[in-house]
Amino acid sequence: MRGEEDAAQAAKRLEELAARAQRTGAPCFTGFLSPAEADLARIAAQRQRVDVLLEGGYEGAERCVACFAGEWEEPFPIAALLLEWPHQSAPGHRDVLGAVMGLGVKRECVGDIVVLQERAYLFAQQRMAEHIAAVLDSAGRTKLRVSVLDELPRLEPPKGAELRGTVSSMRLDAVLSEGFGLSRANAAELIAAGRVKLCHVPTIRADARVKQGAAISTRGYGRLMVEEIGAPTRKGRLPVLLIRYGESRKH
């Protein structure tokens, strides 16, 4: 129920913002949205008959800022912070996000966190970037050197690994089991524990139906994209092509 209430409130806020853009003709920006919220922004734009643009700071960004407007050619108010940790081990995504949240920064003010081998990039609202850079000095046990970049970095979109296999049905637990090499029982436990999102929406139903094009994210394991679902084999199993993305890139 809590998730449904949050979604309803988010949809209402986005529709109000879209209506304002339609009424005034001025661009209206959101904070960083989750993929599910981005879908709500598209629906709000359709209802209010206004265009919506989405930008996360680099190609393939998961969390994006929405702009309700007619045409918008100026840069989005997004900044990138460079995080460095000379001669130390890399912090985890949760360490970085936890450190930022510990500063009192709201989740909507920051976007993706991309951790590479020797550095990381944190995308944030432009108005918050200098503040974060001034006070963020560590993540977990790792000491950080933080600076605001003059321009957004050029990052390669995440690349996943192709997995071909078969499933007994397109139930969520069956696809999760195939994608991450888990037993059906373990997959069902992850779902019941609230660690799985289907198409960006949390679900605790192991029997939830999975369609072609669906995204599945599992906390601690990574993400799956269902690229193809083939015709049933003679034994009644369904061939699937899955793309698996590691947990280590985004949060």
C-alpha atoms as a PDB file:
ATOM      1  CA  MET A   1       0.000   0.000   0.000  1.00  0.00           C
ATOM      2  CA  ARG A   2       2.815   2.378   0.821  1.00  0.00           C
ATOM      3  CA  GLY A   3       4.319   1.966  -2.664  1.00  0.00           C
ATOM      4  CA  GLU A   4       0.963   2.648  -4.308  1.00  0.00           C
ATOM      5  CA  GLU A   5       0.484   5.798  -2.218  1.00  0.00           C
ATOM      6  CA  ASP A   6       3.970   7.056  -3.110  1.00  0.00           C
ATOM      7  CA  ALA A   7       3.318   6.407  -6.805  1.00  0.00           C
ATOM      8  CA  ALA A   8      -0.004   8.269  -6.632  1.00  0.00           C
ATOM      9  CA  GLN A   9       1.642  11.263  -4.966  1.00  0.00           C
ATOM     10  CA  ALA A  10       4.467  11.270  -7.519  1.00  0.00           C
ATOM     11  CA  ALA A  11       1.971  11.109 -10.386  1.00  0.00           C
ATOM     12  CA  LYS A  12       0.039  14.052  -8.921  1.00  0.00           C
ATOM     13  CA  ARG A  13       3.175  16.186  -8.537  1.00  0.00           C
ATOM     14  CA  LEU A  14       4.304  15.429 -12.084  1.00  0.00           C
ATOM     15  CA  GLU A  15       0.896  16.210 -13.552  1.00  0.00           C
ATOM     16  CA  GLU A  16       0.831  19.549 -11.714  1.00  0.00           C
ATOM     17  CA  LEU A  17       4.272  20.376 -13.118  1.00  0.00           C
ATOM     18  CA  ALA A  18       3.240  19.382 -16.639  1.00  0.00           C
ATOM     19  CA  ALA A  19       0.093  21.490 -16.340  1.00  0.00           C
ATOM     20  CA  ARG A  20       2.163  24.495 -15.251  1.00  0.00           C
ATOM     21  CA  ALA A  21       4.449  24.106 -18.268  1.00  0.00           C
ATOM     22  CA  GLN A  22       1.459  23.846 -20.586  1.00  0.00           C
ATOM     23  CA  ARG A  23      -0.194  26.899 -19.020  1.00  0.00           C
ATOM     24  CA  THR A  24       2.847  29.187 -18.885  1.00  0.00           C
ATOM     25  CA  GLY A  25       4.868  27.915 -21.826  1.00  0.00           C
ATOM     26  CA  ALA A  26       7.969  27.977 -19.622  1.00  0.00           C
ATOM     27  CA  PRO A  27      10.110  24.876 -19.087  1.00  0.00           C
ATOM     28  CA  CYS A  28       9.505  23.079 -15.786  1.00  0.00           C
ATOM     29  CA  PHE A  29      12.142  20.711 -14.426  1.00  0.00           C
ATOM     30  CA  THR A  30      11.780  17.838 -12.017  1.00  0.00           C
ATOM     31  CA  GLY A  31      14.421  16.428  -9.726  1.00  0.00           C
ATOM     32  CA  PHE A  32      16.083  13.162 -10.678  1.00  0.00           C
ATOM     33  CA  LEU A  33      13.430  10.521 -11.337  1.00  0.00           C
ATOM     34  CA  SER A  34      13.586   6.753 -11.044  1.00  0.00           C
ATOM     35  CA  PRO A  35      12.659   4.824 -14.231  1.00  0.00           C
ATOM     36  CA  ALA A  36       9.170   4.218 -12.839  1.00  0.00           C
ATOM     37  CA  GLU A  37       8.740   7.935 -12.124  1.00  0.00           C
ATOM     38  CA  ALA A  38      10.018   8.751 -15.621  1.00  0.00           C
ATOM     39  CA  ASP A  39       7.174   6.631 -17.010  1.00  0.00           C
ATOM     40  CA  LEU A  40       4.754   8.658 -14.876  1.00  0.00           C
ATOM     41  CA  ALA A  41       6.270  11.860 -16.299  1.00  0.00           C
ATOM     42  CA  ARG A  42       5.567  10.646 -19.839  1.00  0.00           C
ATOM     43  CA  ILE A  43       1.963   9.881 -18.905  1.00  0.00           C
ATOM     44  CA  ALA A  44       1.566  13.315 -17.299  1.00  0.00           C
ATOM     45  CA  ALA A  45       2.940  14.987 -20.428  1.00  0.00           C
ATOM     46  CA  GLN A  46       0.469  13.120 -22.636  1.00  0.00           C
ATOM     47  CA  ARG A  47      -2.452  14.102 -20.436  1.00  0.00           C
ATOM     48  CA  GLN A  48      -1.461  17.758 -20.371  1.00  0.00           C
ATOM     49  CA  ARG A  49      -0.479  17.812 -24.063  1.00  0.00           C
ATOM     50  CA  VAL A  50       3.024  19.061 -23.462  1.00  0.00           C
ATOM     51  CA  ASP A  51       6.360  17.623 -24.533  1.00  0.00           C
ATOM     52  CA  VAL A  52       8.703  16.037 -22.020  1.00  0.00           C
ATOM     53  CA  LEU A  53      12.444  15.569 -22.350  1.00  0.00           C
ATOM     54  CA  LEU A  54      14.564  13.308 -20.145  1.00  0.00           C
ATOM     55  CA  GLU A  55      18.269  13.712 -19.403  1.00  0.00           C
ATOM     56  CA  GLY A  56      20.511  12.022 -16.851  1.00  0.00           C
ATOM     57  CA  GLY A  57      23.905  13.482 -17.731  1.00  0.00           C
ATOM     58  CA  TYR A  58      25.142  10.704 -20.015  1.00  0.00           C
ATOM     59  CA  GLU A  59      23.817   8.152 -22.483  1.00  0.00           C
ATOM     60  CA  GLY A  60      22.074   5.261 -20.788  1.00  0.00           C
ATOM     61  CA  ALA A  61      21.550   7.029 -17.450  1.00  0.00           C
ATOM     62  CA  GLU A  62      19.026   5.280 -15.230  1.00  0.00           C
ATOM     63  CA  ARG A  63      17.894   8.236 -13.108  1.00  0.00           C
ATOM     64  CA  CYS A  64      16.916  11.260 -15.221  1.00  0.00           C
ATOM     65  CA  VAL A  65      15.624  14.804 -14.866  1.00  0.00           C
ATOM     66  CA  ALA A  66      12.431  15.519 -16.802  1.00  0.00           C
ATOM     67  CA  CYS A  67      11.754  18.831 -18.511  1.00  0.00           C
ATOM     68  CA  PHE A  68       8.164  19.648 -19.445  1.00  0.00           C
ATOM     69  CA  ALA A  69       8.388  22.140 -22.313  1.00  0.00           C
ATOM     70  CA  GLY A  70       7.775  22.773 -25.968  1.00  0.00           C
ATOM     71  CA  GLU A  71      11.314  22.954 -27.283  1.00  0.00           C
ATOM     72  CA  TRP A  72      14.344  23.158 -25.010  1.00  0.00           C
ATOM     73  CA  GLU A  73      17.797  23.541 -26.495  1.00  0.00           C
ATOM     74  CA  GLU A  74      19.708  24.733 -23.418  1.00  0.00           C
ATOM     75  CA  PRO A  75      21.699  22.322 -21.200  1.00  0.00           C
ATOM     76  CA  PHE A  76      19.784  20.654 -18.399  1.00  0.00           C
ATOM     77  CA  PRO A  77      20.677  21.907 -14.889  1.00  0.00           C
ATOM     78  CA  ILE A  78      22.782  18.807 -14.245  1.00  0.00           C
ATOM     79  CA  ALA A  79      26.374  18.787 -13.016  1.00  0.00           C
ATOM     80  CA  ALA A  80      28.882  15.962 -12.669  1.00  0.00           C
ATOM     81  CA  LEU A  81      31.184  15.570  -9.694  1.00  0.00           C
ATOM     82  CA  LEU A  82      34.459  13.701  -9.977  1.00  0.00           C
ATOM     83  CA  LEU A  83      35.289  11.491  -6.989  1.00  0.00           C
ATOM     84  CA  GLU A  84      38.872  10.281  -6.605  1.00  0.00           C
ATOM     85  CA  TRP A  85      40.590   8.137  -3.952  1.00  0.00           C
ATOM     86  CA  PRO A  86      44.374   8.020  -4.560  1.00  0.00           C
ATOM     87  CA  HIS A  87      46.091   4.835  -3.324  1.00  0.00           C
ATOM     88  CA  GLN A  88      42.909   3.413  -1.751  1.00  0.00           C
ATOM     89  CA  SER A  89      40.380   0.760  -2.656  1.00  0.00           C
ATOM     90  CA  ALA A  90      37.270   1.896  -4.504  1.00  0.00           C
ATOM     91  CA  PRO A  91      34.143   2.604  -2.430  1.00  0.00           C
ATOM     92  CA  GLY A  92      30.899   0.825  -3.251  1.00  0.00           C
ATOM     93  CA  HIS A  93      27.839   2.473  -4.713  1.00  0.00           C
ATOM     94  CA  ARG A  94      25.990   2.173  -1.437  1.00  0.00           C
ATOM     95  CA  ASP A  95      28.912   3.768   0.387  1.00  0.00           C
ATOM     96  CA  VAL A  96      28.825   6.798  -1.920  1.00  0.00           C
ATOM     97  CA  LEU A  97      25.048   7.118  -1.900  1.00  0.00           C
ATOM     98  CA  GLY A  98      24.916   6.688   1.871  1.00  0.00           C
ATOM     99  CA  ALA A  99      27.577   9.357   2.348  1.00  0.00           C
ATOM    100  CA  VAL A 100      25.655  11.811   0.160  1.00  0.00           C
ATOM    101  CA  MET A 101      22.348  11.075   1.890  1.00  0.00           C
ATOM    102  CA  GLY A 102      24.138  11.524   5.219  1.00  0.00           C
ATOM    103  CA  LEU A 103      24.776  15.140   4.237  1.00  0.00           C
ATOM    104  CA  GLY A 104      21.047  15.766   4.286  1.00  0.00           C
ATOM    105  CA  VAL A 105      20.815  15.794   0.481  1.00  0.00           C
ATOM    106  CA  LYS A 106      17.477  14.524  -0.832  1.00  0.00           C
ATOM    107  CA  ARG A 107      17.494  11.554  -3.205  1.00  0.00           C
ATOM    108  CA  GLU A 108      15.870  13.617  -5.964  1.00  0.00           C
ATOM    109  CA  CYS A 109      18.897  15.936  -5.962  1.00  0.00           C
ATOM    110  CA  VAL A 110      21.319  13.253  -7.162  1.00  0.00           C
ATOM    111  CA  GLY A 111      21.230  10.924 -10.139  1.00  0.00           C
ATOM    112  CA  ASP A 112      23.397   7.994 -11.126  1.00  0.00           C
ATOM    113  CA  ILE A 113      26.646   7.070  -9.433  1.00  0.00           C
ATOM    114  CA  VAL A 114      29.090   5.508 -11.870  1.00  0.00           C
ATOM    115  CA  VAL A 115      32.050   3.837 -10.170  1.00  0.00           C
ATOM    116  CA  LEU A 116      35.062   2.991 -12.301  1.00  0.00           C
ATOM    117  CA  GLN A 117      38.365   1.429 -11.270  1.00  0.00           C
ATOM    118  CA  GLU A 118      40.145   4.587 -10.129  1.00  0.00           C
ATOM    119  CA  ARG A 119      37.403   7.214  -9.997  1.00  0.00           C
ATOM    120  CA  ALA A 120      33.672   7.718  -9.835  1.00  0.00           C
ATOM    121  CA  TYR A 121      31.174  10.189 -11.238  1.00  0.00           C
ATOM    122  CA  LEU A 122      28.218  11.494  -9.267  1.00  0.00           C
ATOM    123  CA  PHE A 123      25.495  13.325 -11.180  1.00  0.00           C
ATOM    124  CA  ALA A 124      23.607  15.978  -9.250  1.00  0.00           C
ATOM    125  CA  GLN A 125      21.373  18.985  -9.635  1.00  0.00           C
ATOM    126  CA  GLN A 126      23.528  21.952 -10.590  1.00  0.00           C
ATOM    127  CA  ARG A 127      22.394  24.000  -7.604  1.00  0.00           C
ATOM    128  CA  MET A 128      23.607  21.272  -5.203  1.00  0.00           C
ATOM    129  CA  ALA A 129      26.904  20.362  -6.854  1.00  0.00           C
ATOM    130  CA  GLU A 130      29.195  22.882  -5.161  1.00  0.00           C
ATOM    131  CA  HIS A 131      27.700  22.154  -1.744  1.00  0.00           C
ATOM    132  CA  ILE A 132      28.224  18.409  -2.148  1.00  0.00           C
ATOM    133  CA  ALA A 133      31.791  18.912  -3.376  1.00  0.00           C
ATOM    134  CA  ALA A 134      32.565  21.149  -0.385  1.00  0.00           C
ATOM    135  CA  VAL A 135      31.365  18.758   2.320  1.00  0.00           C
ATOM    136  CA  LEU A 136      31.681  15.240   0.883  1.00  0.00           C
ATOM    137  CA  ASP A 137      35.069  13.927   2.004  1.00  0.00           C
ATOM    138  CA  SER A 138      34.588  10.186   2.458  1.00  0.00           C
ATOM    139  CA  ALA A 139      32.443   7.190   1.532  1.00  0.00           C
ATOM    140  CA  GLY A 140      32.568   4.299   3.931  1.00  0.00           C
ATOM    141  CA  ARG A 141      36.211   3.999   4.944  1.00  0.00           C
ATOM    142  CA  THR A 142      37.491   5.593   1.728  1.00  0.00           C
ATOM    143  CA  LYS A 143      38.699   9.201   1.804  1.00  0.00           C
ATOM    144  CA  LEU A 144      37.552  11.166  -1.215  1.00  0.00           C
ATOM    145  CA  ARG A 145      38.797  14.101  -3.224  1.00  0.00           C
ATOM    146  CA  VAL A 146      35.734  15.690  -4.834  1.00  0.00           C
ATOM    147  CA  SER A 147      35.491  18.346  -7.544  1.00  0.00           C
ATOM    148  CA  VAL A 148      32.799  19.688  -9.857  1.00  0.00           C
ATOM    149  CA  LEU A 149      33.596  19.154 -13.541  1.00  0.00           C
ATOM    150  CA  ASP A 150      33.321  22.035 -16.005  1.00  0.00           C
ATOM    151  CA  GLU A 151      31.383  19.827 -18.399  1.00  0.00           C
ATOM    152  CA  LEU A 152      29.611  16.497 -18.323  1.00  0.00           C
ATOM    153  CA  PRO A 153      31.856  13.475 -18.936  1.00  0.00           C
ATOM    154  CA  ARG A 154      31.498  11.225 -21.958  1.00  0.00           C
ATOM    155  CA  LEU A 155      30.724   7.798 -20.567  1.00  0.00           C
ATOM    156  CA  GLU A 156      30.077   4.578 -22.409  1.00  0.00           C
ATOM    157  CA  PRO A 157      26.584   3.196 -21.816  1.00  0.00           C
ATOM    158  CA  PRO A 158      26.618   0.054 -19.686  1.00  0.00           C
ATOM    159  CA  LYS A 159      27.239  -3.195 -21.544  1.00  0.00           C
ATOM    160  CA  GLY A 160      25.569  -6.376 -20.454  1.00  0.00           C
ATOM    161  CA  ALA A 161      26.265 -10.060 -20.965  1.00  0.00           C
ATOM    162  CA  GLU A 162      23.934 -12.057 -23.222  1.00  0.00           C
ATOM    163  CA  LEU A 163      22.442 -15.177 -21.670  1.00  0.00           C
ATOM    164  CA  ARG A 164      20.432 -17.728 -23.634  1.00  0.00           C
ATOM    165  CA  GLY A 165      18.457 -20.380 -21.821  1.00  0.00           C
ATOM    166  CA  THR A 166      15.013 -21.848 -21.323  1.00  0.00           C
ATOM    167  CA  VAL A 167      12.409 -21.420 -18.605  1.00  0.00           C
ATOM    168  CA  SER A 168       9.409 -23.491 -17.682  1.00  0.00           C
ATOM    169  CA  SER A 169       7.210 -20.390 -17.750  1.00  0.00           C
ATOM    170  CA  MET A 170       7.508 -16.600 -17.749  1.00  0.00           C
ATOM    171  CA  ARG A 171       6.943 -16.392 -14.001  1.00  0.00           C
ATOM    172  CA  LEU A 172       9.211 -13.914 -12.262  1.00  0.00           C
ATOM    173  CA  ASP A 173      10.871 -16.545 -10.076  1.00  0.00           C
ATOM    174  CA  ALA A 174      11.630 -18.727 -13.108  1.00  0.00           C
ATOM    175  CA  VAL A 175      13.228 -15.882 -15.097  1.00  0.00           C
ATOM    176  CA  LEU A 176      15.168 -14.674 -12.057  1.00  0.00           C
ATOM    177  CA  SER A 177      16.450 -18.205 -11.467  1.00  0.00           C
ATOM    178  CA  GLU A 178      17.658 -18.513 -15.056  1.00  0.00           C
ATOM    179  CA  GLY A 179      19.185 -15.043 -15.219  1.00  0.00           C
ATOM    180  CA  PHE A 180      21.231 -15.237 -12.023  1.00  0.00           C
ATOM    181  CA  GLY A 181      21.828 -18.981 -11.776  1.00  0.00           C
ATOM    182  CA  LEU A 182      19.696 -19.363  -8.647  1.00  0.00           C
ATOM    183  CA  SER A 183      17.387 -22.121  -7.534  1.00  0.00           C
ATOM    184  CA  ARG A 184      13.685 -21.341  -7.888  1.00  0.00           C
ATOM    185  CA  ALA A 185      13.405 -21.427  -4.099  1.00  0.00           C
ATOM    186  CA  ASN A 186      16.195 -18.860  -3.662  1.00  0.00           C
ATOM    187  CA  ALA A 187      14.676 -16.658  -6.362  1.00  0.00           C
ATOM    188  CA  ALA A 188      11.309 -16.801  -4.600  1.00  0.00           C
ATOM    189  CA  GLU A 189      12.957 -15.847  -1.295  1.00  0.00           C
ATOM    190  CA  LEU A 190      14.531 -12.751  -2.868  1.00  0.00           C
ATOM    191  CA  ILE A 191      11.162 -11.718  -4.263  1.00  0.00           C
ATOM    192  CA  ALA A 192       9.364 -12.293  -0.966  1.00  0.00           C
ATOM    193  CA  ALA A 193      12.044 -10.262   0.833  1.00  0.00           C
ATOM    194  CA  GLY A 194      11.221  -7.213  -1.321  1.00  0.00           C
ATOM    195  CA  ARG A 195      14.583  -7.196  -3.115  1.00  0.00           C
ATOM    196  CA  VAL A 196      13.186  -7.459  -6.652  1.00  0.00           C
ATOM    197  CA  LYS A 197      11.630  -4.873  -8.974  1.00  0.00           C
ATOM    198  CA  LEU A 198       9.782  -5.791 -12.157  1.00  0.00           C
ATOM    199  CA  CYS A 199       9.652  -2.968 -14.708  1.00  0.00           C
ATOM    200  CA  HIS A 200      10.964  -0.666 -11.956  1.00  0.00           C
ATOM    201  CA  VAL A 201       8.107  -1.488  -9.586  1.00  0.00           C
ATOM    202  CA  PRO A 202       8.719  -3.510  -6.382  1.00  0.00           C
ATOM    203  CA  THR A 203       6.858  -6.812  -6.321  1.00  0.00           C
ATOM    204  CA  ILE A 204       6.619  -9.659  -3.828  1.00  0.00           C
ATOM    205  CA  ARG A 205       4.755 -11.994  -6.204  1.00  0.00           C
ATOM    206  CA  ALA A 206       6.884 -14.895  -7.386  1.00  0.00           C
ATOM    207  CA  ASP A 207       4.221 -15.711 -10.006  1.00  0.00           C
ATOM    208  CA  ALA A 208       4.202 -12.213 -11.559  1.00  0.00           C
ATOM    209  CA  ARG A 209       4.193 -12.507 -15.362  1.00  0.00           C
ATOM    210  CA  VAL A 210       7.271 -11.301 -17.216  1.00  0.00           C
ATOM    211  CA  LYS A 211       6.899  -9.973 -20.766  1.00  0.00           C
ATOM    212  CA  GLN A 212       9.391  -9.331 -23.538  1.00  0.00           C
ATOM    213  CA  GLY A 213      11.168  -6.025 -22.961  1.00  0.00           C
ATOM    214  CA  ALA A 214      10.716  -6.206 -19.197  1.00  0.00           C
ATOM    215  CA  ALA A 215      13.431  -5.007 -16.827  1.00  0.00           C
ATOM    216  CA  ILE A 216      14.137  -6.922 -13.625  1.00  0.00           C
ATOM    217  CA  SER A 217      16.428  -5.548 -10.931  1.00  0.00           C
ATOM    218  CA  THR A 218      17.517  -7.513  -7.892  1.00  0.00           C
ATOM    219  CA  ARG A 219      19.314  -5.796  -5.035  1.00  0.00           C
ATOM    220  CA  GLY A 220      22.725  -7.369  -4.591  1.00  0.00           C
ATOM    221  CA  TYR A 221      22.680  -9.176  -7.951  1.00  0.00           C
ATOM    222  CA  GLY A 222      22.164  -6.642 -10.735  1.00  0.00           C
ATOM    223  CA  ARG A 223      19.669  -6.182 -13.540  1.00  0.00           C
ATOM    224  CA  LEU A 224      18.151  -8.290 -16.292  1.00  0.00           C
ATOM    225  CA  MET A 225      16.532  -7.230 -19.543  1.00  0.00           C
ATOM    226  CA  VAL A 226      14.260  -9.723 -21.305  1.00  0.00           C
ATOM    227  CA  GLU A 227      15.266  -9.223 -24.934  1.00  0.00           C
ATOM    228  CA  GLU A 228      13.504 -12.153 -26.594  1.00  0.00           C
ATOM    229  CA  ILE A 229      10.992 -14.874 -25.787  1.00  0.00           C
ATOM    230  CA  GLY A 230      10.918 -17.736 -28.290  1.00  0.00           C
ATOM    231  CA  ALA A 231       8.318 -20.322 -29.261  1.00  0.00           C
ATOM    232  CA  PRO A 232       7.883 -23.266 -26.875  1.00  0.00           C
ATOM    233  CA  THR A 233      10.180 -26.229 -27.383  1.00  0.00           C
ATOM    234  CA  ARG A 234       8.902 -29.787 -27.798  1.00  0.00           C
ATOM    235  CA  LYS A 235       9.190 -30.192 -24.043  1.00  0.00           C
ATOM    236  CA  GLY A 236       7.091 -27.069 -23.485  1.00  0.00           C
ATOM    237  CA  ARG A 237       9.928 -24.833 -22.266  1.00  0.00           C
ATOM    238  CA  LEU A 238      10.357 -21.244 -23.455  1.00  0.00           C
ATOM    239  CA  PRO A 239      13.685 -20.083 -24.945  1.00  0.00           C
ATOM    240  CA  VAL A 240      14.725 -16.653 -23.640  1.00  0.00           C
ATOM    241  CA  LEU A 241      17.473 -14.179 -24.422  1.00  0.00           C
ATOM    242  CA  LEU A 242      18.416 -12.176 -21.347  1.00  0.00           C
ATOM    243  CA  ILE A 243      20.898  -9.316 -20.945  1.00  0.00           C
ATOM    244  CA  ARG A 244      22.492  -9.239 -17.510  1.00  0.00           C
ATOM    245  CA  TYR A 245      24.045  -6.083 -16.089  1.00  0.00           C
ATOM    246  CA  GLY A 246      26.288  -6.273 -13.057  1.00  0.00           C
ATOM    247  CA  GLU A 247      25.475  -4.734  -9.688  1.00  0.00           C
ATOM    248  CA  SER A 248      28.748  -2.835  -9.693  1.00  0.00           C
ATOM    249  CA  ARG A 249      27.928  -0.030 -12.105  1.00  0.00           C
ATOM    250  CA  LYS A 250      24.925   1.981 -10.889  1.00  0.00           C
ATOM    251  CA  HIS A 251      22.752   2.508  -7.942  1.00  0.00           C
END
